[in-house]
Structures are given as structure tokens and as C-alpha cells.
Amino acid sequence: MTLQLREPLLASIHSFPSKWGPAVADDVDMTQHLEEAAMSGRIAAIRVRTEATQLAPADCDDCEGEIPMARRKAVPWTRRCVRCQTLAEREFGGRA
């Protein structure tokens, strides 16, 4: 973590009571708190990106049949239904 980011976080930690009392007990606890805050921010950013991801098209590129919603949610980048994807993988040796 860069010094520019660390100093404001340290100030915010010292301004709030922690579960250990009015001040953070030591550098290890402070570092752990900073890491937890950073991880929470990264997780939140991933959730936002995931929720904003568009689903795959409703129709298969090959057979033009409907791609079930469960598949579209599980594999948002899919362009084929399961049947057509299986056939394509067999044809191209698992690289379709």
C-alpha cells in the first residue's frame, strides 16, 4: 500500500474507537484493519462489475434456439446453447 493511501486510513482508524478500545493496539492490528478495508473495497468493486455485466444473447448463434437463462447467468459470455457448444467443442477439439 502506498504511503499516500496509508496515512489517511491511519488517521481514520485513530479517530474511531476499535474493538480493542479507544486506539488500535499495535501495528499488526492496524495493518490487519487496513488490509480488511482494502479487501472490502476490492470485493465491492467486483460485485458492481459482476452485477453490471450484460447477459449473453437469448438466442444461440448456431441454431438460433433459445439459450436458457440459467446458462446465460452461469456463463454470461456464451454465444451458443449447450448442444451447439458441445458439438463445436467436439469439432474443434475442445477449443470452441
Protein backbone atom coordinates (compact mmCIF):
# COMPACT_ATOMS: atom_id res chain seq x y z
CA MET A 1 0.00 0.00 0.00
CA THR A 2 1.42 3.36 -0.90
CA LEU A 3 2.22 5.90 1.77
CA GLN A 4 -0.30 8.32 0.25
CA LEU A 5 -3.13 5.85 0.86
CA ARG A 6 -1.86 4.60 4.20
CA GLU A 7 -1.71 7.92 6.06
CA PRO A 8 -5.40 8.94 5.59
CA LEU A 9 -6.50 5.44 6.56
CA LEU A 10 -4.34 5.53 9.67
CA ALA A 11 -5.88 8.86 10.65
CA SER A 12 -9.38 7.44 10.21
CA ILE A 13 -8.52 4.39 12.30
CA HIS A 14 -7.25 6.52 15.17
CA SER A 15 -10.32 8.74 15.07
CA PHE A 16 -12.77 5.88 15.77
CA PRO A 17 -12.85 3.51 18.71
CA SER A 18 -11.97 -0.03 17.73
CA LYS A 19 -12.98 -3.36 19.18
CA TRP A 20 -9.76 -3.24 21.25
CA GLY A 21 -10.56 0.06 22.92
CA PRO A 22 -10.02 3.72 22.10
CA ALA A 23 -6.91 3.12 19.98
CA VAL A 24 -5.63 0.28 17.82
CA ALA A 25 -3.41 -1.99 19.91
CA ASP A 26 -0.36 -2.21 17.67
CA ASP A 27 1.00 -2.13 14.12
CA VAL A 28 -0.13 -5.69 13.40
CA ASP A 29 -3.72 -4.88 14.32
CA MET A 30 -3.55 -1.66 12.33
CA THR A 31 -2.18 -3.45 9.29
CA GLN A 32 -4.86 -6.11 9.53
CA HIS A 33 -7.54 -3.43 9.72
CA LEU A 34 -6.10 -1.69 6.64
CA GLU A 35 -5.98 -4.96 4.71
CA GLU A 36 -9.60 -5.75 5.64
CA ALA A 37 -10.70 -2.29 4.47
CA ALA A 38 -8.82 -2.67 1.19
CA MET A 39 -10.25 -6.16 0.62
CA SER A 40 -13.77 -4.92 1.29
CA GLY A 41 -13.27 -2.24 -1.35
CA ARG A 42 -11.99 -4.76 -3.88
CA ILE A 43 -14.90 -7.12 -3.21
CA ALA A 44 -17.39 -4.28 -3.62
CA ALA A 45 -15.82 -3.28 -6.94
CA ILE A 46 -16.04 -6.87 -8.22
CA ARG A 47 -19.69 -7.09 -7.19
CA VAL A 48 -20.51 -3.87 -9.04
CA ARG A 49 -18.78 -5.11 -12.21
CA THR A 50 -20.47 -8.50 -11.97
CA GLU A 51 -23.94 -7.05 -11.48
CA ALA A 52 -23.41 -4.63 -14.35
CA THR A 53 -22.30 -7.37 -16.75
CA GLN A 54 -24.72 -7.87 -19.58
CA LEU A 55 -26.13 -11.32 -20.09
CA ALA A 56 -25.44 -13.31 -23.22
CA PRO A 57 -27.92 -13.01 -26.07
CA ALA A 58 -31.11 -15.07 -25.69
CA ASP A 59 -30.62 -16.91 -28.99
CA CYS A 60 -27.87 -19.35 -29.98
CA ASP A 61 -25.59 -18.11 -32.78
CA ASP A 62 -25.58 -21.54 -34.45
CA CYS A 63 -29.12 -22.97 -34.22
CA GLU A 64 -30.96 -19.78 -33.24
CA GLY A 65 -32.64 -21.73 -30.43
CA GLU A 66 -33.16 -20.18 -27.02
CA ILE A 67 -30.27 -20.22 -24.55
CA PRO A 68 -31.74 -20.99 -21.10
CA MET A 69 -31.49 -18.15 -18.55
CA ALA A 70 -29.59 -20.39 -16.11
CA ARG A 71 -26.84 -20.90 -18.72
CA ARG A 72 -26.80 -17.21 -19.61
CA LYS A 73 -26.32 -16.29 -15.94
CA ALA A 74 -23.72 -19.01 -15.31
CA VAL A 75 -21.73 -18.24 -18.49
CA PRO A 76 -22.53 -14.62 -19.43
CA TRP A 77 -20.13 -14.65 -22.39
CA THR A 78 -21.73 -17.68 -24.06
CA ARG A 79 -22.95 -17.40 -27.64
CA ARG A 80 -24.24 -20.97 -28.02
CA CYS A 81 -26.73 -23.29 -26.37
CA VAL A 82 -25.29 -26.34 -24.58
CA ARG A 83 -25.97 -28.64 -27.55
CA CYS A 84 -24.25 -26.40 -30.10
CA GLN A 85 -21.35 -25.66 -27.74
CA THR A 86 -20.80 -29.39 -27.20
CA LEU A 87 -20.83 -30.03 -30.96
CA ALA A 88 -18.43 -27.14 -31.58
CA GLU A 89 -16.01 -28.38 -28.91
CA ARG A 90 -16.03 -31.86 -30.41
CA GLU A 91 -15.42 -30.45 -33.88
CA PHE A 92 -12.61 -28.13 -32.81
CA GLY A 93 -11.02 -30.41 -30.21
CA GLY A 94 -12.27 -28.54 -27.12
CA ARG A 95 -11.19 -25.11 -28.38
CA ALA A 96 -14.51 -23.66 -29.49
